[in-house]
C-alpha atoms as a PDB file:
ATOM      1  CA  MET A   1      15.468  34.221 -30.805  1.00  0.00           C
ATOM      2  CA  ALA A   2      15.528  37.145 -33.218  1.00  0.00           C
ATOM      3  CA  GLN A   3      18.776  39.060 -33.478  1.00  0.00           C
ATOM      4  CA  GLY A   4      18.801  42.001 -31.076  1.00  0.00           C
ATOM      5  CA  SER A   5      15.948  40.687 -28.903  1.00  0.00           C
ATOM      6  CA  SER A   6      16.625  40.160 -25.206  1.00  0.00           C
ATOM      7  CA  PRO A   7      16.132  36.929 -23.244  1.00  0.00           C
ATOM      8  CA  TYR A   8      16.345  38.821 -19.932  1.00  0.00           C
ATOM      9  CA  THR A   9      13.305  39.792 -17.863  1.00  0.00           C
ATOM     10  CA  LYS A  10      14.583  43.353 -17.360  1.00  0.00           C
ATOM     11  CA  GLY A  11      16.147  43.560 -20.798  1.00  0.00           C
ATOM     12  CA  ALA A  12      19.822  43.494 -21.700  1.00  0.00           C
ATOM     13  CA  PRO A  13      22.334  45.934 -20.211  1.00  0.00           C
ATOM     14  CA  ARG A  14      23.000  48.535 -22.864  1.00  0.00           C
ATOM     15  CA  HIS A  15      26.772  48.322 -22.445  1.00  0.00           C
ATOM     16  CA  VAL A  16      28.696  45.341 -21.064  1.00  0.00           C
ATOM     17  CA  ALA A  17      32.467  45.523 -20.537  1.00  0.00           C
ATOM     18  CA  ILE A  18      34.567  42.428 -19.860  1.00  0.00           C
ATOM     19  CA  VAL A  19      38.043  41.892 -18.446  1.00  0.00           C
ATOM     20  CA  MET A  20      38.857  38.584 -20.132  1.00  0.00           C
ATOM     21  CA  ASP A  21      41.199  37.001 -17.587  1.00  0.00           C
ATOM     22  CA  GLY A  22      42.561  33.502 -17.068  1.00  0.00           C
ATOM     23  CA  ASN A  23      43.860  32.284 -20.428  1.00  0.00           C
ATOM     24  CA  GLY A  24      47.320  31.496 -19.074  1.00  0.00           C
ATOM     25  CA  ARG A  25      46.044  29.644 -15.999  1.00  0.00           C
ATOM     26  CA  TRP A  26      43.608  27.681 -18.161  1.00  0.00           C
ATOM     27  CA  ALA A  27      46.520  26.449 -20.285  1.00  0.00           C
ATOM     28  CA  GLU A  28      48.825  25.755 -17.331  1.00  0.00           C
ATOM     29  CA  ARG A  29      46.195  23.633 -15.567  1.00  0.00           C
ATOM     30  CA  ARG A  30      46.053  21.477 -18.684  1.00  0.00           C
ATOM     31  CA  GLY A  31      49.811  21.262 -19.146  1.00  0.00           C
ATOM     32  CA  LYS A  32      49.646  23.255 -22.357  1.00  0.00           C
ATOM     33  CA  LEU A  33      51.475  26.296 -23.704  1.00  0.00           C
ATOM     34  CA  ARG A  34      50.041  29.672 -22.728  1.00  0.00           C
ATOM     35  CA  LEU A  35      49.262  30.385 -26.368  1.00  0.00           C
ATOM     36  CA  SER A  36      46.771  27.524 -26.409  1.00  0.00           C
ATOM     37  CA  GLY A  37      44.940  29.349 -23.628  1.00  0.00           C
ATOM     38  CA  HIS A  38      44.819  32.512 -25.706  1.00  0.00           C
ATOM     39  CA  ASN A  39      43.487  30.498 -28.637  1.00  0.00           C
ATOM     40  CA  ALA A  40      40.754  29.016 -26.442  1.00  0.00           C
ATOM     41  CA  GLY A  41      40.046  32.504 -25.135  1.00  0.00           C
ATOM     42  CA  MET A  42      39.643  33.800 -28.692  1.00  0.00           C
ATOM     43  CA  ASN A  43      37.083  31.088 -29.338  1.00  0.00           C
ATOM     44  CA  ALA A  44      35.210  32.059 -26.164  1.00  0.00           C
ATOM     45  CA  MET A  45      35.235  35.700 -27.229  1.00  0.00           C
ATOM     46  CA  THR A  46      33.707  34.749 -30.585  1.00  0.00           C
ATOM     47  CA  GLU A  47      30.832  32.993 -28.827  1.00  0.00           C
ATOM     48  CA  ILE A  48      30.215  35.897 -26.444  1.00  0.00           C
ATOM     49  CA  VAL A  49      30.210  38.491 -29.238  1.00  0.00           C
ATOM     50  CA  ARG A  50      27.599  36.462 -31.082  1.00  0.00           C
ATOM     51  CA  HIS A  51      25.510  35.855 -27.961  1.00  0.00           C
ATOM     52  CA  ALA A  52      25.648  39.455 -26.716  1.00  0.00           C
ATOM     53  CA  SER A  53      24.565  40.722 -30.124  1.00  0.00           C
ATOM     54  CA  ASP A  54      21.694  38.234 -30.275  1.00  0.00           C
ATOM     55  CA  SER A  55      20.641  39.154 -26.728  1.00  0.00           C
ATOM     56  CA  GLY A  56      20.166  42.862 -27.378  1.00  0.00           C
ATOM     57  CA  VAL A  57      23.393  44.290 -25.945  1.00  0.00           C
ATOM     58  CA  GLU A  58      24.184  47.510 -27.820  1.00  0.00           C
ATOM     59  CA  TYR A  59      27.849  47.887 -26.809  1.00  0.00           C
ATOM     60  CA  LEU A  60      30.330  45.178 -25.829  1.00  0.00           C
ATOM     61  CA  THR A  61      33.830  46.241 -24.785  1.00  0.00           C
ATOM     62  CA  VAL A  62      36.547  43.648 -24.153  1.00  0.00           C
ATOM     63  CA  TYR A  63      39.961  44.190 -22.600  1.00  0.00           C
ATOM     64  CA  ALA A  64      42.062  42.359 -25.174  1.00  0.00           C
ATOM     65  CA  PHE A  65      45.573  43.749 -24.604  1.00  0.00           C
ATOM     66  CA  SER A  66      46.646  46.295 -22.030  1.00  0.00           C
ATOM     67  CA  THR A  67      49.608  48.646 -22.067  1.00  0.00           C
ATOM     68  CA  GLU A  68      51.120  46.416 -19.347  1.00  0.00           C
ATOM     69  CA  ASN A  69      50.810  43.272 -21.503  1.00  0.00           C
ATOM     70  CA  TRP A  70      53.798  44.432 -23.568  1.00  0.00           C
ATOM     71  CA  LYS A  71      55.921  43.198 -20.627  1.00  0.00           C
ATOM     72  CA  ARG A  72      55.097  39.582 -21.505  1.00  0.00           C
ATOM     73  CA  SER A  73      57.497  37.394 -23.446  1.00  0.00           C
ATOM     74  CA  GLU A  74      58.069  38.203 -27.098  1.00  0.00           C
ATOM     75  CA  ASP A  75      56.790  34.757 -28.133  1.00  0.00           C
ATOM     76  CA  GLU A  76      53.542  35.181 -26.196  1.00  0.00           C
ATOM     77  CA  VAL A  77      52.887  38.690 -27.514  1.00  0.00           C
ATOM     78  CA  SER A  78      53.648  37.608 -31.089  1.00  0.00           C
ATOM     79  CA  GLY A  79      51.338  34.637 -30.681  1.00  0.00           C
ATOM     80  CA  ILE A  80      48.494  36.794 -29.367  1.00  0.00           C
ATOM     81  CA  PHE A  81      48.623  39.042 -32.411  1.00  0.00           C
ATOM     82  CA  GLY A  82      48.886  36.035 -34.694  1.00  0.00           C
ATOM     83  CA  LEU A  83      45.587  34.873 -33.203  1.00  0.00           C
ATOM     84  CA  LEU A  84      44.106  38.288 -33.939  1.00  0.00           C
ATOM     85  CA  VAL A  85      44.923  37.823 -37.627  1.00  0.00           C
ATOM     86  CA  LYS A  86      43.392  34.345 -37.493  1.00  0.00           C
ATOM     87  CA  PHE A  87      40.255  35.717 -35.847  1.00  0.00           C
ATOM     88  CA  VAL A  88      39.791  38.295 -38.606  1.00  0.00           C
ATOM     89  CA  GLU A  89      40.358  35.745 -41.352  1.00  0.00           C
ATOM     90  CA  LEU A  90      37.826  33.315 -39.893  1.00  0.00           C
ATOM     91  CA  LYS A  91      35.200  35.596 -38.361  1.00  0.00           C
ATOM     92  CA  LEU A  92      35.059  38.818 -40.385  1.00  0.00           C
ATOM     93  CA  ARG A  93      32.260  37.541 -42.615  1.00  0.00           C
ATOM     94  CA  GLU A  94      30.256  36.480 -39.572  1.00  0.00           C
ATOM     95  CA  LEU A  95      30.669  39.899 -37.950  1.00  0.00           C
ATOM     96  CA  VAL A  96      29.363  41.594 -41.080  1.00  0.00           C
ATOM     97  CA  ASP A  97      26.493  39.104 -41.429  1.00  0.00           C
ATOM     98  CA  ASN A  98      25.510  39.761 -37.801  1.00  0.00           C
ATOM     99  CA  ASP A  99      25.636  43.534 -38.394  1.00  0.00           C
ATOM    100  CA  VAL A 100      28.339  44.011 -35.726  1.00  0.00           C
ATOM    101  CA  VAL A 101      30.387  47.226 -35.839  1.00  0.00           C
ATOM    102  CA  VAL A 102      34.020  46.819 -34.719  1.00  0.00           C
ATOM    103  CA  SER A 103      36.055  49.653 -33.264  1.00  0.00           C
ATOM    104  CA  VAL A 104      39.241  49.930 -31.198  1.00  0.00           C
ATOM    105  CA  ILE A 105      40.283  52.023 -28.218  1.00  0.00           C
ATOM    106  CA  GLY A 106      43.933  52.291 -27.241  1.00  0.00           C
ATOM    107  CA  ASP A 107      47.206  52.725 -29.078  1.00  0.00           C
ATOM    108  CA  TYR A 108      47.726  49.824 -31.447  1.00  0.00           C
ATOM    109  CA  SER A 109      50.325  51.571 -33.605  1.00  0.00           C
ATOM    110  CA  SER A 110      53.113  49.275 -32.372  1.00  0.00           C
ATOM    111  CA  ILE A 111      51.453  45.929 -33.079  1.00  0.00           C
ATOM    112  CA  PRO A 112      52.780  43.744 -35.933  1.00  0.00           C
ATOM    113  CA  LYS A 113      51.953  44.999 -39.430  1.00  0.00           C
ATOM    114  CA  ASP A 114      49.823  41.988 -40.392  1.00  0.00           C
ATOM    115  CA  ALA A 115      47.762  42.273 -37.215  1.00  0.00           C
ATOM    116  CA  LYS A 116      47.329  46.007 -37.707  1.00  0.00           C
ATOM    117  CA  ALA A 117      46.240  45.490 -41.335  1.00  0.00           C
ATOM    118  CA  ALA A 118      43.764  42.783 -40.295  1.00  0.00           C
ATOM    119  CA  LEU A 119      42.341  44.990 -37.576  1.00  0.00           C
ATOM    120  CA  GLU A 120      41.944  48.001 -39.858  1.00  0.00           C
ATOM    121  CA  ARG A 121      40.307  45.797 -42.501  1.00  0.00           C
ATOM    122  CA  THR A 122      37.785  44.657 -39.897  1.00  0.00           C
ATOM    123  CA  ILE A 123      37.038  48.227 -38.837  1.00  0.00           C
ATOM    124  CA  ALA A 124      36.574  49.313 -42.457  1.00  0.00           C
ATOM    125  CA  ASP A 125      34.487  46.310 -43.515  1.00  0.00           C
ATOM    126  CA  THR A 126      32.097  46.603 -40.547  1.00  0.00           C
ATOM    127  CA  SER A 127      31.817  50.405 -40.602  1.00  0.00           C
ATOM    128  CA  ALA A 128      28.495  50.315 -42.461  1.00  0.00           C
ATOM    129  CA  CYS A 129      26.949  47.871 -39.990  1.00  0.00           C
ATOM    130  CA  THR A 130      24.262  49.193 -37.662  1.00  0.00           C
ATOM    131  CA  GLY A 131      24.014  46.524 -34.942  1.00  0.00           C
ATOM    132  CA  MET A 132      25.959  45.971 -31.755  1.00  0.00           C
ATOM    133  CA  ARG A 133      29.199  47.905 -31.422  1.00  0.00           C
ATOM    134  CA  PHE A 134      32.066  45.588 -30.480  1.00  0.00           C
ATOM    135  CA  ILE A 135      34.867  47.653 -28.930  1.00  0.00           C
ATOM    136  CA  ILE A 136      38.300  46.086 -28.560  1.00  0.00           C
ATOM    137  CA  ALA A 137      40.583  47.686 -25.972  1.00  0.00           C
ATOM    138  CA  LEU A 138      43.993  47.062 -27.520  1.00  0.00           C
ATOM    139  CA  GLY A 139      47.200  48.658 -26.284  1.00  0.00           C
ATOM    140  CA  TYR A 140      44.827  50.342 -23.857  1.00  0.00           C
ATOM    141  CA  GLY A 141      45.403  51.743 -20.392  1.00  0.00           C
ATOM    142  CA  SER A 142      42.818  53.935 -18.711  1.00  0.00           C
ATOM    143  CA  ARG A 143      45.328  56.157 -16.896  1.00  0.00           C
ATOM    144  CA  ALA A 144      47.071  56.928 -20.191  1.00  0.00           C
ATOM    145  CA  ASP A 145      43.715  57.637 -21.811  1.00  0.00           C
ATOM    146  CA  ILE A 146      42.729  60.015 -19.013  1.00  0.00           C
ATOM    147  CA  LEU A 147      46.097  61.784 -19.247  1.00  0.00           C
ATOM    148  CA  ASN A 148      45.735  62.148 -23.019  1.00  0.00           C
ATOM    149  CA  ALA A 149      42.234  63.564 -22.554  1.00  0.00           C
ATOM    150  CA  ALA A 150      43.557  66.132 -20.069  1.00  0.00           C
ATOM    151  CA  ARG A 151      46.295  67.160 -22.498  1.00  0.00           C
ATOM    152  CA  LYS A 152      43.812  67.570 -25.353  1.00  0.00           C
ATOM    153  CA  LEU A 153      41.498  69.658 -23.208  1.00  0.00           C
ATOM    154  CA  ALA A 154      44.377  71.851 -21.990  1.00  0.00           C
ATOM    155  CA  LEU A 155      45.580  72.419 -25.557  1.00  0.00           C
ATOM    156  CA  ASP A 156      42.072  73.405 -26.639  1.00  0.00           C
ATOM    157  CA  VAL A 157      41.900  75.971 -23.862  1.00  0.00           C
ATOM    158  CA  VAL A 158      45.358  77.378 -24.690  1.00  0.00           C
ATOM    159  CA  ASP A 159      44.727  77.458 -28.443  1.00  0.00           C
ATOM    160  CA  SER A 160      41.424  79.297 -28.093  1.00  0.00           C
ATOM    161  CA  GLY A 161      43.147  82.318 -26.523  1.00  0.00           C
ATOM    162  CA  GLY A 162      41.515  84.864 -24.210  1.00  0.00           C
ATOM    163  CA  ASP A 163      40.764  84.206 -20.551  1.00  0.00           C
ATOM    164  CA  ALA A 164      41.985  80.633 -20.079  1.00  0.00           C
ATOM    165  CA  ALA A 165      41.221  80.594 -16.353  1.00  0.00           C
ATOM    166  CA  ALA A 166      37.578  81.509 -16.982  1.00  0.00           C
ATOM    167  CA  ARG A 167      37.192  78.798 -19.597  1.00  0.00           C
ATOM    168  CA  LEU A 168      38.800  76.214 -17.324  1.00  0.00           C
ATOM    169  CA  ALA A 169      36.315  77.110 -14.600  1.00  0.00           C
ATOM    170  CA  ARG A 170      33.429  76.409 -16.986  1.00  0.00           C
ATOM    171  CA  LEU A 171      34.630  72.962 -18.047  1.00  0.00           C
ATOM    172  CA  THR A 172      32.293  70.102 -17.219  1.00  0.00           C
ATOM    173  CA  GLU A 173      32.648  66.347 -16.841  1.00  0.00           C
ATOM    174  CA  SER A 174      31.016  66.022 -20.260  1.00  0.00           C
ATOM    175  CA  ASP A 175      33.702  68.237 -21.789  1.00  0.00           C
ATOM    176  CA  PHE A 176      36.355  65.951 -20.346  1.00  0.00           C
ATOM    177  CA  ALA A 177      34.604  62.721 -21.327  1.00  0.00           C
ATOM    178  CA  ALA A 178      34.396  63.967 -24.901  1.00  0.00           C
ATOM    179  CA  LYS A 179      38.199  63.815 -25.083  1.00  0.00           C
ATOM    180  CA  LEU A 180      38.442  60.182 -23.963  1.00  0.00           C
ATOM    181  CA  SER A 181      38.804  57.382 -26.503  1.00  0.00           C
ATOM    182  CA  THR A 182      35.331  56.213 -25.451  1.00  0.00           C
ATOM    183  CA  SER A 183      33.723  59.494 -26.497  1.00  0.00           C
ATOM    184  CA  GLY A 184      30.188  58.885 -27.755  1.00  0.00           C
ATOM    185  CA  VAL A 185      29.917  55.509 -26.032  1.00  0.00           C
ATOM    186  CA  PRO A 186      27.639  55.228 -22.978  1.00  0.00           C
ATOM    187  CA  ASP A 187      29.324  54.230 -19.736  1.00  0.00           C
ATOM    188  CA  PRO A 188      29.230  50.477 -19.090  1.00  0.00           C
ATOM    189  CA  ASP A 189      26.215  49.314 -17.120  1.00  0.00           C
ATOM    190  CA  LEU A 190      27.915  46.047 -16.233  1.00  0.00           C
ATOM    191  CA  VAL A 191      31.602  45.187 -15.891  1.00  0.00           C
ATOM    192  CA  ILE A 192      32.450  41.479 -15.736  1.00  0.00           C
ATOM    193  CA  ARG A 193      35.826  40.098 -14.707  1.00  0.00           C
ATOM    194  CA  THR A 194      36.599  36.419 -15.032  1.00  0.00           C
ATOM    195  CA  SER A 195      39.052  34.052 -13.261  1.00  0.00           C
ATOM    196  CA  GLY A 196      38.310  35.123  -9.689  1.00  0.00           C
ATOM    197  CA  GLU A 197      40.348  38.333  -9.728  1.00  0.00           C
ATOM    198  CA  LYS A 198      38.599  41.381  -8.236  1.00  0.00           C
ATOM    199  CA  ARG A 199      40.238  44.480  -9.645  1.00  0.00           C
ATOM    200  CA  LEU A 200      39.912  46.772 -12.669  1.00  0.00           C
ATOM    201  CA  SER A 201      43.534  46.571 -13.836  1.00  0.00           C
ATOM    202  CA  ASN A 202      43.515  50.029 -15.422  1.00  0.00           C
ATOM    203  CA  PHE A 203      40.345  49.376 -17.457  1.00  0.00           C
ATOM    204  CA  LEU A 204      37.714  52.087 -18.026  1.00  0.00           C
ATOM    205  CA  LEU A 205      38.459  53.836 -14.731  1.00  0.00           C
ATOM    206  CA  TRP A 206      36.537  57.015 -15.581  1.00  0.00           C
ATOM    207  CA  GLU A 207      33.714  55.269 -17.399  1.00  0.00           C
ATOM    208  CA  SER A 208      32.962  52.663 -14.731  1.00  0.00           C
ATOM    209  CA  ALA A 209      32.383  55.116 -11.877  1.00  0.00           C
ATOM    210  CA  TYR A 210      28.786  53.888 -11.450  1.00  0.00           C
ATOM    211  CA  SER A 211      28.953  50.548 -13.229  1.00  0.00           C
ATOM    212  CA  GLU A 212      27.812  47.355 -11.558  1.00  0.00           C
ATOM    213  CA  PHE A 213      30.546  44.720 -11.158  1.00  0.00           C
ATOM    214  CA  VAL A 214      30.171  40.968 -11.375  1.00  0.00           C
ATOM    215  CA  PHE A 215      33.174  38.754 -10.627  1.00  0.00           C
ATOM    216  CA  THR A 216      33.202  35.102 -11.625  1.00  0.00           C
ATOM    217  CA  ASP A 217      35.710  32.364 -10.838  1.00  0.00           C
ATOM    218  CA  VAL A 218      35.304  30.946 -14.351  1.00  0.00           C
ATOM    219  CA  LEU A 219      38.483  31.218 -16.425  1.00  0.00           C
ATOM    220  CA  TRP A 220      37.903  33.125 -19.644  1.00  0.00           C
ATOM    221  CA  PRO A 221      38.256  30.164 -22.058  1.00  0.00           C
ATOM    222  CA  ASP A 222      35.470  28.426 -20.088  1.00  0.00           C
ATOM    223  CA  PHE A 223      33.214  31.503 -20.066  1.00  0.00           C
ATOM    224  CA  THR A 224      30.089  30.456 -21.934  1.00  0.00           C
ATOM    225  CA  PRO A 225      26.921  32.236 -23.053  1.00  0.00           C
ATOM    226  CA  ALA A 226      25.200  30.569 -20.084  1.00  0.00           C
ATOM    227  CA  GLU A 227      27.729  32.158 -17.696  1.00  0.00           C
ATOM    228  CA  PHE A 228      27.239  35.498 -19.464  1.00  0.00           C
ATOM    229  CA  ASP A 229      23.495  35.149 -18.840  1.00  0.00           C
ATOM    230  CA  ARG A 230      24.135  34.333 -15.181  1.00  0.00           C
ATOM    231  CA  CYS A 231      26.200  37.516 -14.823  1.00  0.00           C
ATOM    232  CA  VAL A 232      23.451  39.555 -16.474  1.00  0.00           C
ATOM    233  CA  ALA A 233      20.852  37.962 -14.184  1.00  0.00           C
ATOM    234  CA  GLU A 234      22.951  38.998 -11.158  1.00  0.00           C
ATOM    235  CA  TYR A 235      23.171  42.517 -12.578  1.00  0.00           C
ATOM    236  CA  ASN A 236      19.410  42.637 -13.202  1.00  0.00           C
ATOM    237  CA  GLY A 237      18.788  41.635  -9.596  1.00  0.00           C
ATOM    238  CA  ARG A 238      20.393  44.819  -8.322  1.00  0.00           C
ATOM    239  CA  GLU A 239      18.987  48.315  -7.873  1.00  0.00           C
ATOM    240  CA  ARG A 240      21.185  50.981  -9.401  1.00  0.00           C
ATOM    241  CA  ARG A 241      21.236  54.226  -7.384  1.00  0.00           C
ATOM    242  CA  TYR A 242      24.087  56.151  -9.055  1.00  0.00           C
ATOM    243  CA  GLY A 243      25.250  57.460  -5.699  1.00  0.00           C
ATOM    244  CA  GLY A 244      21.765  58.202  -4.391  1.00  0.00           C
ATOM    245  CA  ARG A 245      20.701  57.086  -0.924  1.00  0.00           C
ATOM    246  CA  GLY A 246      19.251  53.623  -0.438  1.00  0.00           C
END
């Protein structure tokens, strides 16, 4: 199959977002350390990035590390970012060869220096690519992002002077969305969550207002391209109404 072509009868969703859940449970069920689950999850992510790009998906957003994940043990957090460095070292060339553009949403200023350097190297080295955009939500929380957008919009109104109340009355949803970290990215058509959990967990709350959701019991390290295709097939079997009457 040619890169960017779609194997799906209705075509690929333009934007797929994934809550990659279940790494810890995957490891525990095998009597292994949680970090081994994160390592297996990183391998699964690599396969899905490649497959989504080959299948014609234009945007793939993954929930890699939330603002709440900082509450985990220091060893686990350190290990997760060590895997990020490993991922860049092993897969950067492949991302470039597959024309994948990497970007990040969220506040990753507090991550370890080597992980931050690896991430910024990936962003820089893939910036000239023109294929699928791979968006990593890292140090991300949707409520914080919405609050930051509101602050930016309020400051713009205050700084512009004149009749602030009149300008506030003219603000649109598009004006607000332009201040989010996802500005310029279409809303996700399909949101997938693995491991049997059925919640958003503070992920793309504004952007997923009319997204379709598919929940799978498969733990993230076991999430294969075939399972991705099954989720897309379920999505393609639905009729999207965007709030219109059925």
